[in-house]
Amino acid sequence: MRLLLTLLLITISGYAFAEEEAAELPPLNPKYKAEHAIALVNKGSGIYAFNLPGYKLPHDVQVVYRIKNPDVAFLDIVRNAELITLKPKPFNIQRLMRGEEITITADVYKGNYKKAGSLIYTNRTIEMSKQLYARQLKDLAKASQWQEYDMIDLGSTERIYIHKISQAPSFSHLIFVDLVNACMQKFRTSTLLPSQNELTYKFINCGTLKPLFYEAESLKK
């Protein structure tokens, strides 16, 4: 009887602690509920999603997620396209900043849907299954020819390096590296807005590379 009561008290305490943890989270800011453009890239069988950020709320965040692969056909589309973007129904991106697992509904485009991309699917459900990276774009460094990157560890020797967006002008850049040697995470480039080729060259001695994404137009000012 005592054992049963002890187990019951432990269970109740566990639920109370979980509820207390959930209660500590601040309420979501409704201003972050919007249409958040998302790009999809792949490496092997993994599909990775990241938002296309901006400097102003509600887009002033950088988030990278692993998504649950819907099916082989969808993976092939992402694998064979230079760029896949999602035009999702409005959702609160703070949920991703918190690391929640959520399902969004989106139209899927080959290319950038904001720049005459080709519609592939309508109202496709996308499961955002695991947060890999999250950063709020505040207290940003001044624009400089010194570029700084954060590293996302995918396991084993696989990494994604993501550019830390600075004050304007800046750029979004992600590159996959299967490491052989350590990579510099801060280096100098020839201009404030280097080309993707120049950035790829900076990682050339790190290992096997796959450029994933580069875009500067939306972060020039």
Protein backbone atom coordinates (compact mmCIF):
# COMPACT_ATOMS: atom_id res chain seq x y z
CA MET A 1 0.00 0.00 0.00
CA ARG A 2 2.83 2.37 0.93
CA LEU A 3 4.59 1.57 -2.35
CA LEU A 4 1.41 2.36 -4.28
CA LEU A 5 1.02 5.68 -2.47
CA THR A 6 4.68 6.56 -3.12
CA LEU A 7 4.34 5.84 -6.83
CA LEU A 8 1.15 7.88 -6.95
CA LEU A 9 2.85 10.84 -5.27
CA ILE A 10 5.80 10.62 -7.68
CA THR A 11 3.43 10.59 -10.66
CA ILE A 12 1.46 13.57 -9.36
CA SER A 13 4.68 15.46 -8.66
CA GLY A 14 5.89 14.74 -12.19
CA TYR A 15 2.70 16.12 -13.72
CA ALA A 16 2.86 19.17 -11.48
CA PHE A 17 6.47 19.83 -12.49
CA ALA A 18 5.61 19.48 -16.21
CA GLU A 19 2.69 21.88 -15.82
CA GLU A 20 4.92 24.33 -13.96
CA GLU A 21 7.52 24.16 -16.74
CA ALA A 22 4.86 24.83 -19.39
CA ALA A 23 3.44 27.68 -17.36
CA GLU A 24 6.85 29.39 -17.26
CA LEU A 25 6.85 29.93 -21.02
CA PRO A 26 5.75 33.46 -21.91
CA PRO A 27 2.67 33.78 -24.12
CA LEU A 28 3.21 33.80 -27.87
CA ASN A 29 3.40 37.22 -29.45
CA PRO A 30 0.50 37.26 -31.95
CA LYS A 31 2.49 39.63 -34.18
CA TYR A 32 4.68 36.65 -35.13
CA LYS A 33 1.73 34.90 -36.74
CA ALA A 34 2.24 35.48 -40.46
CA GLU A 35 3.07 33.88 -43.77
CA HIS A 36 6.68 32.81 -43.22
CA ALA A 37 8.46 31.84 -46.42
CA ILE A 38 10.42 28.62 -45.95
CA ALA A 39 13.04 26.93 -48.12
CA LEU A 40 13.70 23.19 -48.27
CA VAL A 41 17.06 21.55 -49.01
CA ASN A 42 18.34 18.03 -48.62
CA LYS A 43 21.42 16.02 -47.88
CA GLY A 44 21.02 12.33 -48.49
CA SER A 45 17.65 11.26 -47.13
CA GLY A 46 17.39 14.24 -44.78
CA ILE A 47 15.24 17.26 -45.62
CA TYR A 48 15.95 20.52 -43.83
CA ALA A 49 13.70 23.56 -43.62
CA PHE A 50 14.68 27.13 -42.83
CA ASN A 51 12.84 30.42 -42.95
CA LEU A 52 13.77 33.28 -45.28
CA PRO A 53 14.46 35.99 -42.69
CA GLY A 54 14.16 39.75 -42.70
CA TYR A 55 15.05 42.53 -40.31
CA LYS A 56 11.55 43.46 -39.21
CA LEU A 57 9.02 41.62 -37.06
CA PRO A 58 7.57 39.04 -37.77
CA HIS A 59 10.48 37.77 -39.87
CA ASP A 60 13.43 38.78 -37.66
CA VAL A 61 14.51 35.23 -36.77
CA GLN A 62 16.68 32.47 -38.22
CA VAL A 63 15.34 28.95 -37.70
CA VAL A 64 16.49 25.61 -39.13
CA TYR A 65 14.46 22.42 -38.69
CA ARG A 66 14.62 18.84 -39.79
CA ILE A 67 11.32 17.80 -41.34
CA LYS A 68 9.74 14.37 -41.34
CA ASN A 69 10.06 13.00 -44.86
CA PRO A 70 6.53 12.61 -46.26
CA ASP A 71 7.45 10.09 -48.97
CA VAL A 72 10.13 9.15 -51.49
CA ALA A 73 8.51 11.19 -54.28
CA PHE A 74 8.67 14.35 -52.17
CA LEU A 75 12.31 13.69 -51.27
CA ASP A 76 13.12 13.27 -54.97
CA ILE A 77 11.52 16.63 -55.76
CA VAL A 78 13.63 18.38 -53.12
CA ARG A 79 16.76 16.47 -54.12
CA ASN A 80 16.46 17.25 -57.82
CA ALA A 81 15.50 20.92 -57.56
CA GLU A 82 17.90 23.81 -57.14
CA LEU A 83 15.43 25.41 -54.71
CA ILE A 84 12.10 24.41 -53.17
CA THR A 85 10.08 26.97 -51.22
CA LEU A 86 6.94 26.72 -49.12
CA LYS A 87 4.18 29.30 -49.01
CA PRO A 88 2.57 28.31 -45.72
CA LYS A 89 -0.71 29.30 -44.24
CA PRO A 90 -0.04 31.85 -41.45
CA PHE A 91 1.48 30.36 -38.30
CA ASN A 92 3.34 31.74 -35.29
CA ILE A 93 7.06 31.22 -35.89
CA GLN A 94 7.77 31.68 -32.19
CA ARG A 95 6.61 28.08 -31.82
CA LEU A 96 9.62 27.04 -33.88
CA MET A 97 11.89 29.32 -31.87
CA ARG A 98 10.74 27.37 -28.80
CA GLY A 99 11.59 24.07 -30.47
CA GLU A 100 8.04 22.78 -30.76
CA GLU A 101 7.14 19.98 -33.15
CA ILE A 102 4.40 21.40 -35.34
CA THR A 103 2.67 20.61 -38.62
CA ILE A 104 2.16 23.42 -41.11
CA THR A 105 0.09 23.48 -44.29
CA ALA A 106 1.75 25.01 -47.33
CA ASP A 107 1.81 25.29 -51.08
CA VAL A 108 5.04 23.85 -52.45
CA TYR A 109 6.92 25.62 -55.24
CA LYS A 110 9.92 24.82 -57.37
CA GLY A 111 12.00 27.99 -57.12
CA ASN A 112 11.11 31.01 -55.00
CA TYR A 113 7.33 31.44 -54.89
CA LYS A 114 7.83 35.19 -54.47
CA LYS A 115 9.71 35.28 -57.76
CA ALA A 116 7.48 33.35 -60.16
CA GLY A 117 8.19 29.85 -58.84
CA SER A 118 6.30 26.87 -60.24
CA LEU A 119 3.53 25.39 -58.08
CA ILE A 120 3.99 21.67 -57.38
CA TYR A 121 1.58 20.91 -54.52
CA THR A 122 -1.24 22.81 -52.84
CA ASN A 123 -2.10 22.48 -49.15
CA ARG A 124 0.66 20.01 -48.41
CA THR A 125 1.21 19.14 -44.74
CA ILE A 126 4.80 19.51 -43.58
CA GLU A 127 5.88 18.12 -40.21
CA MET A 128 8.53 20.29 -38.58
CA SER A 129 9.98 17.56 -36.41
CA LYS A 130 13.24 18.74 -34.83
CA GLN A 131 14.75 22.15 -34.20
CA LEU A 132 18.40 22.35 -35.26
CA TYR A 133 19.01 26.08 -34.92
CA ALA A 134 17.22 29.20 -33.71
CA ARG A 135 18.43 32.80 -33.49
CA GLN A 136 16.65 36.09 -32.91
CA LEU A 137 17.94 38.88 -35.15
CA LYS A 138 18.65 41.48 -32.50
CA ASP A 139 21.79 43.23 -31.23
CA LEU A 140 23.31 42.52 -34.64
CA ALA A 141 26.94 43.17 -35.47
CA LYS A 142 27.66 45.96 -37.92
CA ALA A 143 28.06 44.96 -41.57
CA SER A 144 31.67 43.97 -42.19
CA GLN A 145 33.91 42.02 -44.54
CA TRP A 146 34.44 39.69 -41.57
CA GLN A 147 31.80 36.99 -41.86
CA GLU A 148 30.81 34.81 -38.91
CA TYR A 149 29.09 31.42 -39.00
CA ASP A 150 27.33 29.14 -36.53
CA MET A 151 27.66 25.37 -36.82
CA ILE A 152 24.79 22.87 -36.81
CA ASP A 153 25.94 19.38 -35.83
CA LEU A 154 24.02 16.72 -37.78
CA GLY A 155 25.92 13.83 -36.22
CA SER A 156 29.09 11.96 -37.15
CA THR A 157 31.18 14.29 -39.36
CA GLU A 158 28.23 16.09 -40.97
CA ARG A 159 27.68 19.79 -40.33
CA ILE A 160 25.68 22.70 -41.69
CA TYR A 161 27.32 26.11 -41.40
CA ILE A 162 24.91 29.05 -41.30
CA HIS A 163 25.89 32.67 -41.73
CA LYS A 164 25.09 34.91 -38.77
CA ILE A 165 23.15 37.72 -40.40
CA SER A 166 24.53 41.13 -39.48
CA GLN A 167 23.13 44.62 -39.88
CA ALA A 168 22.36 45.54 -43.49
CA PRO A 169 23.72 44.83 -45.97
CA SER A 170 23.97 41.14 -45.18
CA PHE A 171 23.03 37.76 -46.64
CA SER A 172 21.60 34.31 -45.88
CA HIS A 173 23.98 31.44 -46.55
CA LEU A 174 23.94 27.77 -45.60
CA ILE A 175 26.47 25.16 -46.66
CA PHE A 176 26.73 21.45 -45.83
CA VAL A 177 30.16 20.04 -44.95
CA ASP A 178 31.21 16.44 -44.38
CA LEU A 179 34.23 17.29 -42.27
CA VAL A 180 37.76 16.17 -42.93
CA ASN A 181 39.40 19.20 -41.32
CA ALA A 182 38.11 21.84 -38.94
CA CYS A 183 36.39 24.84 -40.54
CA MET A 184 37.00 28.48 -39.78
CA GLN A 185 33.80 30.05 -38.50
CA LYS A 186 35.01 33.61 -38.94
CA PHE A 187 36.86 34.86 -42.00
CA ARG A 188 37.32 37.92 -44.17
CA THR A 189 35.75 38.28 -47.61
CA SER A 190 36.54 40.63 -50.48
CA THR A 191 33.29 42.63 -50.10
CA LEU A 192 30.43 43.09 -47.66
CA LEU A 193 28.28 40.90 -49.92
CA PRO A 194 30.55 38.17 -51.29
CA SER A 195 29.38 35.80 -54.00
CA GLN A 196 28.31 32.26 -53.20
CA ASN A 197 31.36 30.98 -55.09
CA GLU A 198 33.70 33.01 -52.88
CA LEU A 199 31.99 31.69 -49.75
CA THR A 200 32.17 28.10 -50.99
CA TYR A 201 35.90 28.54 -51.59
CA LYS A 202 36.32 29.58 -47.94
CA PHE A 203 35.14 26.10 -46.91
CA ILE A 204 37.02 24.18 -49.59
CA ASN A 205 39.58 22.64 -47.23
CA CYS A 206 37.02 21.52 -44.65
CA GLY A 207 35.80 18.41 -46.47
CA THR A 208 33.09 17.40 -48.93
CA LEU A 209 30.82 20.36 -49.61
CA LYS A 210 27.26 20.92 -50.78
CA PRO A 211 26.13 24.56 -51.09
CA LEU A 212 22.55 24.68 -49.81
CA PHE A 213 21.34 28.27 -50.06
CA TYR A 214 22.47 31.82 -50.72
CA GLU A 215 20.39 35.00 -50.90
CA ALA A 216 21.31 38.64 -50.34
CA GLU A 217 18.68 40.77 -52.07
CA SER A 218 16.19 40.80 -49.18
CA LEU A 219 18.86 41.77 -46.61
CA LYS A 220 20.52 44.67 -48.42
CA LYS A 221 18.59 47.23 -46.35
